[in-house]
Amino acid sequence: MTPSIFARQPLALRKTVIVLIAALILMWFDSKNSAWFSPVRDTSHAAMQPIYELSLLPSYAKHWTSGSLQSKEALRRENMQLKSQLIHAQAKLQQQDYILAQNARLQGILSTTKPEQFDLNLAQVIGTDANLLRQIVVLNKGVQDGVQVGQTVIDENGILGQIINVYPNTSRLLLITDEQQSVAVTVKRTGQRAIVTGKGIPTSLSLDYVFKTSDVRVGDELVSSGLGGRIPAGYRVGRIAHVEDIEADNFRSIEVTPTANFTDNAYVLILQDKLVDQNNIARNER
């Protein structure tokens, strides 16, 4: 008896051949009628789905990492660009605010006095005096602009001081806060007259020669009286901030807060007498 072909082959090879033959038979039946094996095909596909997904994980991780890094870099660049735009916008707003504040200030200065009383000479503060113990500032207007010694200088809030020196293109302004400067004033509420004297600091003045029996109160407004003719009447000087009675003295100790801005004033107004037409004067004299 002759042994069969399967008897002479190893067991593993025989199993492989059997599986291949069975697979060929199944493929032939599937080609004839594929509906028979649809449930098996669907089940096998469903079983292989997790394997497919696991095989794609490295690719997903690579794309996610690349996309995440690109997204972070894009967001960082966009954030930096937005910050730059914000800084530029804030800088422009600061410039606009400064211009608006300067315009409002100039309008306030120009509206503080009546043009029929004085010629209004707008000047800019360009420096302070070399003597730090004096309350003196330097203006950019001088003889060529009609500035004269003794002319009063104000801002939009009140009196600043008087011109003490004049040069061709500049002048020196002695502020009323200087210890050697004083202004004749009137208490607006009562009409009482007194003298306001500087204390050498830009934030405080002293109201002198007020008797204890005088009717003065905290908050009273002080305006220039025009007494002596040095400073025009009717301009604000300050407000009473503190009143104290000293037992050994007949006068009150009164502290005044100035209304003018002595600490941050870029522009001021020089009050100059109106120029009168000499021909009109001569005509009137005739």
Foldseek 3Di string as FASTA:
>chain_A
DDDDPLVVDDPVVSVVVVVVVVVVVVVVVCVVPVVVCVVVVVVVVVVCVVVVVVVCVVVVVVVVVVVVVVVVVVVVVVVVVVVVVVVVVVVVVVVVVVVVVVVVQVVLFVPQDDCVFFPKDKWFFDAADPPLQFLKTKTQAFVCNVDDFLWWKAGSFFTFATWHAGDHGMTMGGGQQGQPHKAWKAQVVPRDIFIWHHDSDQFKIWTDDAFPPDDADFFTWIWGCCPPVSDDTDTTFFTWHDWADDPVDRHITTMTTGRGDSPDDGMMITTHGDDDDPVVVVVVVD
